[in-house]
Amino acid sequence: MNKANSFNKEELVACGLGNLFGANSPRLPIDNMLMIDRIVKINDNGGEFGKGEIVAELDIDPSLWFFDCHFQTDPVMPGCLGLDAMWQLVGFFLGWEGAEGKGRALGVGEVKFTGQVLPDAKKVTYKLTIKRKVYRKLVMGIADAVMEVDGREIYSAKDLKVGIFSDTSTF
C-alpha cells in the first residue's frame, strides 16, 4: 500500500471522525483541541533514528480561542497545548502505520520551554523524530520533538510516549 506523505486540515479532521484510516484507528481530536492544520511530511524511515519523522504546522491567528482566556491582557498559547500537539502527532503516526485502537498519551521524559507563542506569531512548526515503535501486545510510539514559532525553536521534548489500546475502560 502506498501511504500519503502529507495531510491537509480536512484530512486531519477526517482522522478525528474515524474516516481517514478506519473507524477503529487512533483518532485525532477535533475542533478546538486539534492543534495541527496540516502535516507537510510524514515517513517511516527518516529522522535521526531512521524510524520515521513528522513535520506539521499550525497557523496562528490572534482570534484563536486560547488567546482570550490565557491570560487576560497577556495572551499566550498554553504550553500544554503545544505538548499535546506533539502527542497527537505520535498517535497519528501509529494510525498512519496501521495501528488499531484508541490512542493515549503515556508520558514524556523531558520538556523544555524556552519561548512562547503570542498572537502576532504566524506559524508553529512541529518536528518529530520517531525513536522506537512497538507492535506487540503493547502498541507504542516513542519520539523526540521540537516546536518552533516562526522558525525559532521554543519547546523541546524527549521520549514522548503514546500507546494504542483496544480497551481503555480500565485505563
Protein backbone atom coordinates (compact mmCIF):
# COMPACT_ATOMS: atom_id res chain seq x y z
CA MET A 1 0.00 0.00 0.00
CA ASN A 2 1.32 3.44 -0.90
CA LYS A 3 0.73 5.75 2.06
CA ALA A 4 0.25 9.50 1.74
CA ASN A 5 3.18 11.56 2.99
CA SER A 6 1.24 14.76 3.73
CA PHE A 7 -2.23 15.66 5.01
CA ASN A 8 -4.37 18.79 4.91
CA LYS A 9 -6.76 20.07 7.58
CA GLU A 10 -9.78 18.35 6.05
CA GLU A 11 -7.97 15.00 6.17
CA LEU A 12 -6.87 15.61 9.79
CA VAL A 13 -10.48 16.29 10.77
CA ALA A 14 -11.47 13.09 8.91
CA CYS A 15 -8.95 11.27 11.12
CA GLY A 16 -10.70 12.70 14.18
CA LEU A 17 -14.03 11.40 12.89
CA GLY A 18 -12.62 7.94 12.17
CA ASN A 19 -12.85 8.39 8.40
CA LEU A 20 -9.18 8.54 7.40
CA PHE A 21 -7.56 5.27 8.46
CA GLY A 22 -10.73 3.46 9.54
CA ALA A 23 -13.25 3.52 12.35
CA ASN A 24 -11.01 1.51 14.70
CA SER A 25 -7.86 3.55 14.12
CA PRO A 26 -6.41 6.08 16.57
CA ARG A 27 -8.14 9.44 16.19
CA LEU A 28 -7.00 13.00 16.40
CA PRO A 29 -9.09 15.38 18.49
CA ILE A 30 -11.40 17.69 16.58
CA ASP A 31 -12.48 21.30 16.84
CA ASN A 32 -10.54 23.44 19.31
CA MET A 33 -8.29 20.66 20.59
CA LEU A 34 -6.84 19.84 17.17
CA MET A 35 -3.54 21.72 17.37
CA ILE A 36 -2.47 20.94 13.80
CA ASP A 37 -3.53 22.50 10.49
CA ARG A 38 -1.51 20.25 8.21
CA ILE A 39 1.15 17.57 8.11
CA VAL A 40 3.69 18.58 5.49
CA LYS A 41 5.89 15.49 5.83
CA ILE A 42 5.49 12.01 7.27
CA ASN A 43 7.58 8.93 6.55
CA ASP A 44 8.54 5.68 8.23
CA ASN A 45 12.28 5.70 7.59
CA GLY A 46 13.55 9.24 8.15
CA GLY A 47 14.61 11.21 11.17
CA GLU A 48 17.61 10.89 13.42
CA PHE A 49 16.91 7.24 14.24
CA GLY A 50 15.74 6.11 10.77
CA LYS A 51 12.35 5.00 12.16
CA GLY A 52 10.20 7.86 10.88
CA GLU A 53 9.58 11.56 11.11
CA ILE A 54 6.73 14.03 11.01
CA VAL A 55 6.69 17.75 10.27
CA ALA A 56 3.40 19.52 10.92
CA GLU A 57 2.18 23.11 11.13
CA LEU A 58 -0.38 25.25 12.93
CA ASP A 59 -1.30 28.69 11.61
CA ILE A 60 -1.51 31.28 14.37
CA ASP A 61 -4.35 33.76 14.30
CA PRO A 62 -4.99 36.25 17.12
CA SER A 63 -8.62 35.05 17.25
CA LEU A 64 -7.65 31.50 18.37
CA TRP A 65 -9.76 30.56 21.42
CA PHE A 66 -6.93 30.24 23.96
CA PHE A 67 -5.64 33.79 23.50
CA ASP A 68 -8.88 35.20 25.01
CA CYS A 69 -8.59 33.21 28.23
CA HIS A 70 -4.85 32.58 28.73
CA PHE A 71 -4.24 35.26 30.04
CA GLN A 72 -6.43 38.36 30.07
CA THR A 73 -4.25 41.30 28.96
CA ASP A 74 -1.29 38.89 28.50
CA PRO A 75 -2.34 36.44 25.75
CA VAL A 76 -0.10 33.41 25.18
CA MET A 77 -0.68 29.91 23.83
CA PRO A 78 -0.65 27.46 26.77
CA GLY A 79 2.48 25.32 26.73
CA CYS A 80 0.40 22.22 27.38
CA LEU A 81 -1.34 22.67 24.00
CA GLY A 82 1.98 22.52 22.16
CA LEU A 83 2.94 19.44 24.13
CA ASP A 84 -0.44 17.87 23.38
CA ALA A 85 0.06 18.53 19.67
CA MET A 86 3.27 16.51 19.82
CA TRP A 87 1.42 13.60 21.46
CA GLN A 88 -1.33 13.96 18.85
CA LEU A 89 1.28 13.54 16.12
CA VAL A 90 2.83 10.42 17.66
CA GLY A 91 -0.64 8.84 17.82
CA PHE A 92 -1.35 9.92 14.25
CA PHE A 93 1.91 8.30 13.13
CA LEU A 94 0.88 4.98 14.70
CA GLY A 95 -2.51 5.14 12.96
CA TRP A 96 -0.81 6.02 9.68
CA GLU A 97 1.30 2.90 10.09
CA GLY A 98 -1.86 0.81 10.58
CA ALA A 99 -2.28 0.52 14.35
CA GLU A 100 -5.83 -0.02 15.57
CA GLY A 101 -7.34 1.10 18.86
CA LYS A 102 -7.54 4.23 20.95
CA GLY A 103 -4.52 6.45 21.44
CA ARG A 104 -3.47 7.68 24.88
CA ALA A 105 -0.53 9.82 25.92
CA LEU A 106 1.63 7.81 28.31
CA GLY A 107 4.20 10.38 29.33
CA VAL A 108 7.24 12.35 28.38
CA GLY A 109 10.80 12.08 29.61
CA GLU A 110 11.80 15.73 29.48
CA VAL A 111 10.20 19.00 28.34
CA LYS A 112 11.86 22.39 28.00
CA PHE A 113 10.11 25.66 27.26
CA THR A 114 12.40 28.42 26.02
CA GLY A 115 9.90 30.72 24.34
CA GLN A 116 6.23 31.46 23.80
CA VAL A 117 3.56 31.71 21.12
CA LEU A 118 1.98 35.16 21.06
CA PRO A 119 -0.99 36.35 18.97
CA ASP A 120 1.28 38.17 16.50
CA ALA A 121 3.11 34.95 15.55
CA LYS A 122 2.42 33.47 12.12
CA LYS A 123 3.17 29.75 12.24
CA VAL A 124 4.04 26.96 14.65
CA THR A 125 6.04 24.05 13.26
CA TYR A 126 6.30 20.69 15.00
CA LYS A 127 9.21 18.41 14.09
CA LEU A 128 9.16 14.87 15.45
CA THR A 129 11.58 12.03 15.01
CA ILE A 130 10.41 8.55 15.94
CA LYS A 131 12.81 6.76 18.28
CA ARG A 132 11.02 3.49 18.83
CA LYS A 133 7.95 1.65 17.55
CA VAL A 134 6.49 -1.28 19.46
CA TYR A 135 3.92 -3.51 17.74
CA ARG A 136 3.26 -6.36 20.12
CA LYS A 137 0.52 -6.80 22.72
CA LEU A 138 1.52 -3.26 23.68
CA VAL A 139 1.46 -0.85 20.74
CA MET A 140 3.50 2.25 21.47
CA GLY A 141 5.45 5.01 19.77
CA ILE A 142 8.27 7.00 21.34
CA ALA A 143 9.52 10.23 19.76
CA ASP A 144 11.66 13.28 20.34
CA ALA A 145 10.26 16.60 19.15
CA VAL A 146 10.82 20.31 18.84
CA MET A 147 8.29 23.06 18.37
CA GLU A 148 9.20 26.23 16.52
CA VAL A 149 7.38 29.52 16.22
CA ASP A 150 8.21 31.48 13.08
CA GLY A 151 11.38 29.43 12.66
CA ARG A 152 12.67 29.76 16.24
CA GLU A 153 12.76 26.67 18.47
CA ILE A 154 10.80 27.31 21.66
CA TYR A 155 9.88 23.86 23.05
CA SER A 156 11.68 20.55 23.05
CA ALA A 157 10.50 17.19 24.30
CA LYS A 158 12.32 13.90 24.72
CA ASP A 159 10.70 10.48 24.90
CA LEU A 160 7.10 11.42 24.11
CA LYS A 161 5.18 8.19 24.61
CA VAL A 162 1.81 7.28 23.10
CA GLY A 163 0.12 3.90 23.44
CA ILE A 164 -2.69 2.41 21.38
CA PHE A 165 -5.23 0.34 23.34
CA SER A 166 -8.09 -1.88 22.23
CA ASP A 167 -9.86 -1.30 25.58
CA THR A 168 -9.48 1.86 27.67
CA SER A 169 -12.24 1.10 30.20
CA THR A 170 -9.73 0.26 32.93
CA PHE A 171 -7.09 2.76 31.85
